Amino acid sequence: MKAKGKAFKYGDNIDTDVIIPARYLNTSDPDELAKYCMEDLDPSFQKELKEGDIIVAQRNFGCGSSREHAPLAIKSCGASCVIAQSFARLFYRNAINIGLPILECEKAALDIENGNDVEIDFVEGSIHNLTKNHTYKAQPFPEFIWKIIEAGGLINSIQKNLAKKNKRRK
């Protein structure tokens, strides 16, 4: 699985209230949440983001509350991945649970600049900054986590596995 897009670069401690402001949490509709993703931090984000673009941040991305709305808003707005030096643990798990690929890579997070073109090979864990011609290595997910992400999240993965089991029983 690969992704390619323009980088949207942010700093440290991007919290869930910045990713999706609390005033929009009266819904869990992914399309509605997507409209407001990063609105308070970067008003141009929604206008400039193209399907497949990549969010790059520094330390502690997704800190704050434990709500799933934040990774859901990112995935639903069309971003293909988040690369950061580190993630808040609850955000990290919520991202996997909803099928949003995320990679921890300090060198990439520090070196990639806003607007750089980036290509990611998730299976290899390689991140290539096409603009600077730099390559970075992140730890790829183990196979069982990739199956969750490829299925579109934990619930879809469980449903898919149950459907396979039910087919075998028949």
N, C-alpha and C. Protein backbone atom coordinates (compact mmCIF):
# COMPACT_ATOMS: atom_id res chain seq x y z
N MET A 1 0.85 -1.18 0.00
CA MET A 1 0.00 0.00 0.00
C MET A 1 0.89 1.23 0.00
N LYS A 2 0.54 2.19 -0.85
CA LYS A 2 1.33 3.42 -0.96
C LYS A 2 0.43 4.64 -0.91
N ALA A 3 1.05 5.77 -0.62
CA ALA A 3 0.36 7.06 -0.63
C ALA A 3 1.32 8.09 -1.21
N LYS A 4 0.74 9.09 -1.84
CA LYS A 4 1.55 10.16 -2.40
C LYS A 4 0.74 11.44 -2.32
N GLY A 5 1.39 12.51 -1.83
CA GLY A 5 0.67 13.77 -1.74
C GLY A 5 1.55 14.89 -1.23
N LYS A 6 0.93 16.04 -1.12
CA LYS A 6 1.60 17.24 -0.61
C LYS A 6 1.53 17.23 0.91
N ALA A 7 2.61 17.70 1.54
CA ALA A 7 2.67 17.75 3.00
C ALA A 7 2.04 19.02 3.54
N PHE A 8 1.26 18.86 4.60
CA PHE A 8 0.74 19.96 5.41
C PHE A 8 1.45 19.85 6.75
N LYS A 9 2.33 20.77 7.04
CA LYS A 9 3.24 20.66 8.18
C LYS A 9 2.74 21.47 9.37
N TYR A 10 2.78 20.82 10.55
CA TYR A 10 2.38 21.46 11.80
C TYR A 10 3.41 21.14 12.88
N GLY A 11 3.30 21.78 14.02
CA GLY A 11 4.29 21.66 15.08
C GLY A 11 3.96 20.63 16.13
N ASP A 12 4.35 20.94 17.36
CA ASP A 12 4.14 20.05 18.51
C ASP A 12 2.74 20.22 19.10
N ASN A 13 2.30 19.17 19.78
CA ASN A 13 1.08 19.20 20.61
C ASN A 13 -0.17 19.65 19.86
N ILE A 14 -0.37 19.13 18.68
CA ILE A 14 -1.62 19.40 17.94
C ILE A 14 -2.69 18.53 18.59
N ASP A 15 -3.57 19.18 19.34
CA ASP A 15 -4.54 18.41 20.11
C ASP A 15 -5.82 18.14 19.34
N THR A 16 -6.63 17.26 19.89
CA THR A 16 -7.85 16.84 19.20
C THR A 16 -8.84 17.99 19.03
N ASP A 17 -8.81 18.97 19.91
CA ASP A 17 -9.69 20.13 19.77
C ASP A 17 -9.27 21.03 18.61
N VAL A 18 -8.01 20.95 18.22
CA VAL A 18 -7.55 21.70 17.06
C VAL A 18 -7.85 20.90 15.79
N ILE A 19 -7.71 19.59 15.87
CA ILE A 19 -7.98 18.74 14.70
C ILE A 19 -9.45 18.84 14.32
N ILE A 20 -10.33 18.71 15.29
CA ILE A 20 -11.76 18.90 15.05
C ILE A 20 -12.33 19.66 16.26
N PRO A 21 -12.62 20.95 16.07
CA PRO A 21 -13.10 21.77 17.19
C PRO A 21 -14.35 21.18 17.85
N ALA A 22 -14.40 21.29 19.16
CA ALA A 22 -15.48 20.70 19.97
C ALA A 22 -16.87 21.17 19.53
N ARG A 23 -16.97 22.37 18.98
CA ARG A 23 -18.29 22.88 18.59
C ARG A 23 -18.93 22.05 17.46
N TYR A 24 -18.16 21.18 16.81
CA TYR A 24 -18.68 20.35 15.73
C TYR A 24 -18.90 18.90 16.15
N LEU A 25 -18.80 18.63 17.43
CA LEU A 25 -18.89 17.25 17.89
C LEU A 25 -20.31 16.78 18.18
N ASN A 26 -21.28 17.49 17.67
CA ASN A 26 -22.67 17.05 17.83
C ASN A 26 -23.04 16.02 16.77
N THR A 27 -22.05 15.60 15.98
CA THR A 27 -22.26 14.57 14.97
C THR A 27 -21.05 13.64 14.93
N SER A 28 -21.26 12.45 14.46
CA SER A 28 -20.14 11.55 14.18
C SER A 28 -20.13 11.18 12.70
N ASP A 29 -20.88 11.95 11.90
CA ASP A 29 -20.92 11.73 10.45
C ASP A 29 -19.57 12.12 9.85
N PRO A 30 -18.86 11.18 9.26
CA PRO A 30 -17.52 11.47 8.74
C PRO A 30 -17.48 12.62 7.73
N ASP A 31 -18.47 12.70 6.85
CA ASP A 31 -18.48 13.77 5.85
C ASP A 31 -18.66 15.14 6.48
N GLU A 32 -19.45 15.20 7.52
CA GLU A 32 -19.67 16.47 8.22
C GLU A 32 -18.42 16.88 9.00
N LEU A 33 -17.79 15.92 9.69
CA LEU A 33 -16.57 16.21 10.43
C LEU A 33 -15.45 16.67 9.50
N ALA A 34 -15.38 16.08 8.33
CA ALA A 34 -14.32 16.41 7.36
C ALA A 34 -14.33 17.89 6.99
N LYS A 35 -15.49 18.49 6.95
CA LYS A 35 -15.62 19.90 6.56
C LYS A 35 -14.88 20.85 7.49
N TYR A 36 -14.67 20.42 8.74
CA TYR A 36 -14.12 21.31 9.76
C TYR A 36 -12.74 20.89 10.26
N CYS A 37 -12.17 19.88 9.65
CA CYS A 37 -10.86 19.38 10.07
C CYS A 37 -9.81 20.49 9.98
N MET A 38 -9.09 20.72 11.06
CA MET A 38 -7.99 21.69 11.17
C MET A 38 -8.45 23.14 10.99
N GLU A 39 -9.73 23.38 11.05
CA GLU A 39 -10.28 24.70 10.76
C GLU A 39 -9.67 25.83 11.60
N ASP A 40 -9.52 25.63 12.90
CA ASP A 40 -9.01 26.70 13.76
C ASP A 40 -7.50 26.88 13.64
N LEU A 41 -6.78 25.83 13.32
CA LEU A 41 -5.33 25.90 13.21
C LEU A 41 -4.89 26.42 11.85
N ASP A 42 -5.57 25.97 10.80
CA ASP A 42 -5.16 26.28 9.43
C ASP A 42 -6.40 26.48 8.56
N PRO A 43 -6.91 27.71 8.50
CA PRO A 43 -8.13 27.97 7.73
C PRO A 43 -8.01 27.62 6.25
N SER A 44 -6.81 27.53 5.72
CA SER A 44 -6.65 27.19 4.30
C SER A 44 -6.60 25.68 4.06
N PHE A 45 -6.53 24.89 5.12
CA PHE A 45 -6.39 23.44 5.00
C PHE A 45 -7.46 22.83 4.10
N GLN A 46 -8.71 23.13 4.37
CA GLN A 46 -9.80 22.54 3.60
C GLN A 46 -9.80 22.98 2.13
N LYS A 47 -9.39 24.20 1.89
CA LYS A 47 -9.36 24.71 0.50
C LYS A 47 -8.22 24.10 -0.29
N GLU A 48 -7.09 23.86 0.36
CA GLU A 48 -5.88 23.41 -0.34
C GLU A 48 -5.70 21.90 -0.36
N LEU A 49 -6.27 21.18 0.59
CA LEU A 49 -6.09 19.74 0.68
C LEU A 49 -6.65 19.03 -0.54
N LYS A 50 -5.86 18.14 -1.10
CA LYS A 50 -6.30 17.26 -2.19
C LYS A 50 -6.30 15.83 -1.66
N GLU A 51 -7.15 15.02 -2.22
CA GLU A 51 -7.22 13.62 -1.83
C GLU A 51 -5.82 13.00 -1.87
N GLY A 52 -5.42 12.38 -0.77
CA GLY A 52 -4.12 11.72 -0.69
C GLY A 52 -3.04 12.54 -0.03
N ASP A 53 -3.27 13.83 0.21
CA ASP A 53 -2.26 14.65 0.86
C ASP A 53 -1.96 14.12 2.27
N ILE A 54 -0.86 14.59 2.83
CA ILE A 54 -0.31 14.01 4.04
C ILE A 54 -0.10 15.08 5.11
N ILE A 55 -0.51 14.79 6.32
CA ILE A 55 -0.26 15.68 7.45
C ILE A 55 1.05 15.26 8.10
N VAL A 56 1.92 16.23 8.35
CA VAL A 56 3.20 15.99 9.01
C VAL A 56 3.25 16.90 10.24
N ALA A 57 3.59 16.32 11.36
CA ALA A 57 3.65 17.11 12.60
C ALA A 57 4.85 16.66 13.43
N GLN A 58 5.04 17.35 14.51
CA GLN A 58 6.18 17.02 15.36
C GLN A 58 5.72 16.16 16.53
N ARG A 59 5.99 16.56 17.76
CA ARG A 59 5.72 15.70 18.91
C ARG A 59 4.26 15.76 19.38
N ASN A 60 3.81 14.60 19.89
CA ASN A 60 2.56 14.49 20.64
C ASN A 60 1.32 14.85 19.81
N PHE A 61 1.29 14.44 18.57
CA PHE A 61 0.13 14.72 17.71
C PHE A 61 -1.08 13.96 18.25
N GLY A 62 -2.21 14.65 18.33
CA GLY A 62 -3.45 14.04 18.77
C GLY A 62 -3.63 13.99 20.28
N CYS A 63 -2.89 14.83 21.00
CA CYS A 63 -3.05 14.87 22.45
C CYS A 63 -4.42 15.47 22.78
N GLY A 64 -4.77 15.44 24.02
CA GLY A 64 -6.06 16.00 24.44
C GLY A 64 -7.05 14.90 24.73
N SER A 65 -8.26 15.08 24.30
CA SER A 65 -9.31 14.12 24.62
C SER A 65 -9.14 12.83 23.81
N SER A 66 -9.88 11.82 24.23
CA SER A 66 -9.75 10.51 23.61
C SER A 66 -10.74 10.29 22.46
N ARG A 67 -11.43 11.31 22.04
CA ARG A 67 -12.48 11.11 21.05
C ARG A 67 -11.95 10.59 19.71
N GLU A 68 -12.72 9.71 19.10
CA GLU A 68 -12.38 9.16 17.78
C GLU A 68 -12.65 10.16 16.66
N HIS A 69 -13.35 11.21 16.97
CA HIS A 69 -13.71 12.19 15.94
C HIS A 69 -12.48 12.76 15.24
N ALA A 70 -11.37 12.92 15.96
CA ALA A 70 -10.18 13.56 15.38
C ALA A 70 -9.58 12.73 14.24
N PRO A 71 -9.22 11.45 14.46
CA PRO A 71 -8.70 10.70 13.31
C PRO A 71 -9.75 10.47 12.23
N LEU A 72 -11.01 10.37 12.63
CA LEU A 72 -12.08 10.20 11.65
C LEU A 72 -12.19 11.43 10.74
N ALA A 73 -12.06 12.62 11.31
CA ALA A 73 -12.11 13.86 10.52
C ALA A 73 -10.94 13.90 9.54
N ILE A 74 -9.75 13.50 9.99
CA ILE A 74 -8.58 13.51 9.12
C ILE A 74 -8.76 12.54 7.96
N LYS A 75 -9.17 11.32 8.28
CA LYS A 75 -9.36 10.32 7.23
C LYS A 75 -10.46 10.75 6.25
N SER A 76 -11.54 11.28 6.77
CA SER A 76 -12.69 11.64 5.94
C SER A 76 -12.44 12.85 5.06
N CYS A 77 -11.52 13.73 5.46
CA CYS A 77 -11.26 14.92 4.64
C CYS A 77 -10.37 14.59 3.44
N GLY A 78 -9.81 13.37 3.41
CA GLY A 78 -9.02 12.95 2.26
C GLY A 78 -7.54 12.80 2.51
N ALA A 79 -7.07 13.16 3.69
CA ALA A 79 -5.65 12.96 4.00
C ALA A 79 -5.37 11.47 4.04
N SER A 80 -4.24 11.07 3.46
CA SER A 80 -3.94 9.64 3.36
C SER A 80 -3.16 9.11 4.55
N CYS A 81 -2.55 10.00 5.32
CA CYS A 81 -1.66 9.55 6.38
C CYS A 81 -1.28 10.73 7.27
N VAL A 82 -0.85 10.41 8.48
CA VAL A 82 -0.22 11.39 9.35
C VAL A 82 1.15 10.84 9.72
N ILE A 83 2.17 11.67 9.53
CA ILE A 83 3.54 11.35 9.95
C ILE A 83 3.86 12.31 11.09
N ALA A 84 4.39 11.78 12.18
CA ALA A 84 4.76 12.64 13.31
C ALA A 84 5.95 12.04 14.04
N GLN A 85 6.62 12.90 14.83
CA GLN A 85 7.67 12.40 15.71
C GLN A 85 7.09 11.44 16.73
N SER A 86 5.92 11.79 17.26
CA SER A 86 5.23 10.93 18.22
C SER A 86 3.75 11.28 18.23
N PHE A 87 2.97 10.32 18.69
CA PHE A 87 1.52 10.48 18.78
C PHE A 87 1.08 10.26 20.22
N ALA A 88 0.02 10.95 20.60
CA ALA A 88 -0.64 10.62 21.87
C ALA A 88 -1.16 9.19 21.72
N ARG A 89 -0.99 8.39 22.75
CA ARG A 89 -1.33 6.96 22.66
C ARG A 89 -2.79 6.71 22.29
N LEU A 90 -3.73 7.46 22.86
CA LEU A 90 -5.14 7.24 22.53
C LEU A 90 -5.42 7.60 21.07
N PHE A 91 -4.81 8.67 20.58
CA PHE A 91 -4.98 9.03 19.17
C PHE A 91 -4.42 7.91 18.29
N TYR A 92 -3.26 7.41 18.64
CA TYR A 92 -2.61 6.34 17.88
C TYR A 92 -3.55 5.15 17.72
N ARG A 93 -4.12 4.71 18.83
CA ARG A 93 -5.01 3.55 18.78
C ARG A 93 -6.31 3.88 18.06
N ASN A 94 -6.86 5.07 18.29
CA ASN A 94 -8.09 5.46 17.59
C ASN A 94 -7.87 5.53 16.08
N ALA A 95 -6.68 5.99 15.66
CA ALA A 95 -6.38 6.06 14.23
C ALA A 95 -6.41 4.66 13.62
N ILE A 96 -5.79 3.71 14.28
CA ILE A 96 -5.82 2.32 13.79
C ILE A 96 -7.25 1.80 13.78
N ASN A 97 -8.00 2.06 14.84
CA ASN A 97 -9.37 1.57 14.95
C ASN A 97 -10.27 2.08 13.83
N ILE A 98 -10.00 3.25 13.29
CA ILE A 98 -10.85 3.76 12.19
C ILE A 98 -10.17 3.61 10.83
N GLY A 99 -8.96 3.05 10.81
CA GLY A 99 -8.28 2.77 9.54
C GLY A 99 -7.49 3.92 8.96
N LEU A 100 -6.98 4.81 9.80
CA LEU A 100 -6.14 5.91 9.33
C LEU A 100 -4.67 5.53 9.51
N PRO A 101 -3.91 5.41 8.42
CA PRO A 101 -2.49 5.09 8.56
C PRO A 101 -1.71 6.24 9.21
N ILE A 102 -0.87 5.90 10.16
CA ILE A 102 -0.02 6.88 10.84
C ILE A 102 1.38 6.28 10.96
N LEU A 103 2.38 7.13 10.87
CA LEU A 103 3.76 6.67 10.98
C LEU A 103 4.54 7.58 11.92
N GLU A 104 5.29 6.98 12.83
CA GLU A 104 6.20 7.74 13.67
C GLU A 104 7.58 7.71 13.02
N CYS A 105 8.10 8.89 12.73
CA CYS A 105 9.43 8.99 12.14
C CYS A 105 9.99 10.38 12.43
N GLU A 106 10.88 10.45 13.39
CA GLU A 106 11.41 11.74 13.83
C GLU A 106 12.11 12.49 12.70
N LYS A 107 12.96 11.80 11.95
CA LYS A 107 13.72 12.47 10.89
C LYS A 107 12.79 13.05 9.82
N ALA A 108 11.80 12.28 9.41
CA ALA A 108 10.85 12.77 8.40
C ALA A 108 10.05 13.95 8.95
N ALA A 109 9.58 13.83 10.18
CA ALA A 109 8.76 14.88 10.78
C ALA A 109 9.52 16.20 10.89
N LEU A 110 10.82 16.12 11.14
CA LEU A 110 11.62 17.33 11.26
C LEU A 110 12.05 17.90 9.91
N ASP A 111 12.31 17.04 8.94
CA ASP A 111 12.87 17.47 7.66
C ASP A 111 11.84 17.88 6.62
N ILE A 112 10.70 17.21 6.61
CA ILE A 112 9.67 17.54 5.62
C ILE A 112 9.11 18.92 5.93
N GLU A 113 8.97 19.72 4.88
CA GLU A 113 8.44 21.08 5.03
C GLU A 113 7.06 21.18 4.39
N ASN A 114 6.32 22.19 4.81
CA ASN A 114 5.00 22.43 4.24
C ASN A 114 5.10 22.55 2.72
N GLY A 115 4.26 21.81 2.02
CA GLY A 115 4.23 21.86 0.57
C GLY A 115 5.14 20.87 -0.13
N ASN A 116 6.03 20.20 0.61
CA ASN A 116 6.87 19.17 -0.01
C ASN A 116 6.00 18.04 -0.54
N ASP A 117 6.42 17.44 -1.65
CA ASP A 117 5.76 16.26 -2.17
C ASP A 117 6.37 15.04 -1.50
N VAL A 118 5.50 14.16 -1.00
CA VAL A 118 5.94 13.01 -0.21
C VAL A 118 5.28 11.75 -0.74
N GLU A 119 6.06 10.68 -0.75
CA GLU A 119 5.54 9.37 -1.14
C GLU A 119 5.86 8.38 -0.03
N ILE A 120 4.90 7.54 0.30
CA ILE A 120 5.04 6.59 1.40
C ILE A 120 4.77 5.18 0.91
N ASP A 121 5.63 4.27 1.29
CA ASP A 121 5.38 2.84 1.10
C ASP A 121 5.14 2.28 2.50
N PHE A 122 3.89 2.01 2.81
CA PHE A 122 3.53 1.59 4.16
C PHE A 122 4.07 0.20 4.51
N VAL A 123 4.12 -0.68 3.54
CA VAL A 123 4.61 -2.04 3.80
C VAL A 123 6.08 -2.01 4.18
N GLU A 124 6.86 -1.20 3.48
CA GLU A 124 8.29 -1.09 3.76
C GLU A 124 8.58 -0.12 4.92
N GLY A 125 7.65 0.78 5.18
CA GLY A 125 7.89 1.81 6.18
C GLY A 125 8.79 2.92 5.67
N SER A 126 8.85 3.06 4.34
CA SER A 126 9.72 4.10 3.77
C SER A 126 8.92 5.35 3.42
N ILE A 127 9.54 6.47 3.69
CA ILE A 127 8.96 7.78 3.40
C ILE A 127 9.96 8.49 2.51
N HIS A 128 9.50 8.93 1.34
CA HIS A 128 10.42 9.60 0.41
C HIS A 128 9.93 11.03 0.19
N ASN A 129 10.77 11.99 0.56
CA ASN A 129 10.48 13.40 0.30
C ASN A 129 10.94 13.66 -1.13
N LEU A 130 9.99 13.69 -2.06
CA LEU A 130 10.31 13.87 -3.47
C LEU A 130 10.90 15.24 -3.76
N THR A 131 10.48 16.24 -3.00
CA THR A 131 10.96 17.61 -3.20
C THR A 131 12.45 17.72 -2.86
N LYS A 132 12.86 17.13 -1.77
CA LYS A 132 14.25 17.22 -1.33
C LYS A 132 15.09 16.00 -1.71
N ASN A 133 14.44 14.97 -2.26
CA ASN A 133 15.09 13.71 -2.58
C ASN A 133 15.76 13.10 -1.33
N HIS A 134 15.03 13.10 -0.21
CA HIS A 134 15.47 12.47 1.03
C HIS A 134 14.56 11.29 1.32
N THR A 135 15.13 10.23 1.86
CA THR A 135 14.36 9.05 2.23
C THR A 135 14.55 8.79 3.72
N TYR A 136 13.46 8.41 4.37
CA TYR A 136 13.45 8.16 5.81
C TYR A 136 12.84 6.78 6.04
N LYS A 137 13.19 6.17 7.15
CA LYS A 137 12.67 4.84 7.47
C LYS A 137 11.85 4.91 8.75
N ALA A 138 10.60 4.50 8.63
CA ALA A 138 9.71 4.39 9.79
C ALA A 138 9.49 2.91 10.07
N GLN A 139 9.03 2.61 11.25
CA GLN A 139 8.71 1.23 11.59
C GLN A 139 7.37 0.87 10.95
N PRO A 140 7.37 -0.10 10.02
CA PRO A 140 6.08 -0.48 9.42
C PRO A 140 5.20 -1.20 10.45
N PHE A 141 3.91 -1.16 10.24
CA PHE A 141 2.99 -1.86 11.12
C PHE A 141 3.13 -3.37 10.92
N PRO A 142 2.89 -4.13 11.97
CA PRO A 142 2.83 -5.59 11.79
C PRO A 142 1.61 -5.95 10.93
N GLU A 143 1.64 -7.14 10.37
CA GLU A 143 0.60 -7.57 9.43
C GLU A 143 -0.81 -7.46 10.01
N PHE A 144 -1.00 -7.84 11.27
CA PHE A 144 -2.35 -7.82 11.84
C PHE A 144 -2.92 -6.40 11.91
N ILE A 145 -2.07 -5.41 12.13
CA ILE A 145 -2.56 -4.02 12.14
C ILE A 145 -2.85 -3.55 10.72
N TRP A 146 -2.01 -3.96 9.75
CA TRP A 146 -2.30 -3.59 8.36
C TRP A 146 -3.61 -4.15 7.88
N LYS A 147 -3.95 -5.34 8.35
CA LYS A 147 -5.25 -5.92 7.97
C LYS A 147 -6.40 -5.05 8.49
N ILE A 148 -6.24 -4.50 9.68
CA ILE A 148 -7.26 -3.60 10.23
C ILE A 148 -7.35 -2.33 9.39
N ILE A 149 -6.20 -1.73 9.08
CA ILE A 149 -6.19 -0.50 8.29
C ILE A 149 -6.73 -0.73 6.89
N GLU A 150 -6.29 -1.81 6.24
CA GLU A 150 -6.76 -2.12 4.88
C GLU A 150 -8.26 -2.38 4.83
N ALA A 151 -8.80 -2.93 5.92
CA ALA A 151 -10.24 -3.19 5.98
C ALA A 151 -11.05 -1.91 6.22
N GLY A 152 -10.36 -0.83 6.55
CA GLY A 152 -11.05 0.43 6.83
C GLY A 152 -11.33 0.65 8.29
N GLY A 153 -10.72 -0.14 9.15
CA GLY A 153 -10.89 0.03 10.58
C GLY A 153 -11.22 -1.27 11.28
N LEU A 154 -11.23 -1.22 12.60
CA LEU A 154 -11.42 -2.41 13.42
C LEU A 154 -12.78 -3.06 13.21
N ILE A 155 -13.83 -2.28 13.19
CA ILE A 155 -15.17 -2.86 13.03
C ILE A 155 -15.29 -3.55 11.68
N ASN A 156 -14.82 -2.91 10.62
CA ASN A 156 -14.86 -3.54 9.29
C ASN A 156 -14.02 -4.81 9.27
N SER A 157 -12.88 -4.78 9.93
CA SER A 157 -12.01 -5.95 9.98
C SER A 157 -12.71 -7.12 10.68
N ILE A 158 -13.35 -6.85 11.79
CA ILE A 158 -14.07 -7.89 12.52
C ILE A 158 -15.22 -8.44 11.68
N GLN A 159 -15.97 -7.56 11.03
CA GLN A 159 -17.07 -8.00 10.18
C GLN A 159 -16.57 -8.88 9.03
N LYS A 160 -15.46 -8.49 8.45
CA LYS A 160 -14.86 -9.25 7.35
C LYS A 160 -14.44 -10.65 7.84
N ASN A 161 -13.80 -10.71 9.01
CA ASN A 161 -13.38 -12.00 9.56
C ASN A 161 -14.56 -12.88 9.91
N LEU A 162 -15.62 -12.30 10.46
CA LEU A 162 -16.82 -13.07 10.78
C LEU A 162 -17.49 -13.61 9.53
N ALA A 163 -17.52 -12.79 8.47
CA ALA A 163 -18.11 -13.24 7.21
C ALA A 163 -17.32 -14.42 6.63
N LYS A 164 -15.99 -14.37 6.73
CA LYS A 164 -15.16 -15.49 6.26
C LYS A 164 -15.45 -16.75 7.05
N LYS A 165 -15.57 -16.62 8.37
CA LYS A 165 -15.85 -17.78 9.22
C LYS A 165 -17.21 -18.38 8.89
N ASN A 166 -18.19 -17.50 8.68
CA ASN A 166 -19.55 -17.98 8.35
C ASN A 166 -19.57 -18.69 7.00
N LYS A 167 -18.80 -18.23 6.04
CA LYS A 167 -18.72 -18.89 4.72
C LYS A 167 -18.14 -20.29 4.85
N ARG A 168 -17.12 -20.43 5.68
CA ARG A 168 -16.47 -21.73 5.87
C ARG A 168 -17.41 -22.73 6.55
N ARG A 169 -18.28 -22.23 7.39
CA ARG A 169 -19.22 -23.12 8.12
C ARG A 169 -20.31 -23.69 7.21
N LYS A 170 -20.60 -23.00 6.14
CA LYS A 170 -21.71 -23.40 5.26
C LYS A 170 -21.30 -24.51 4.33
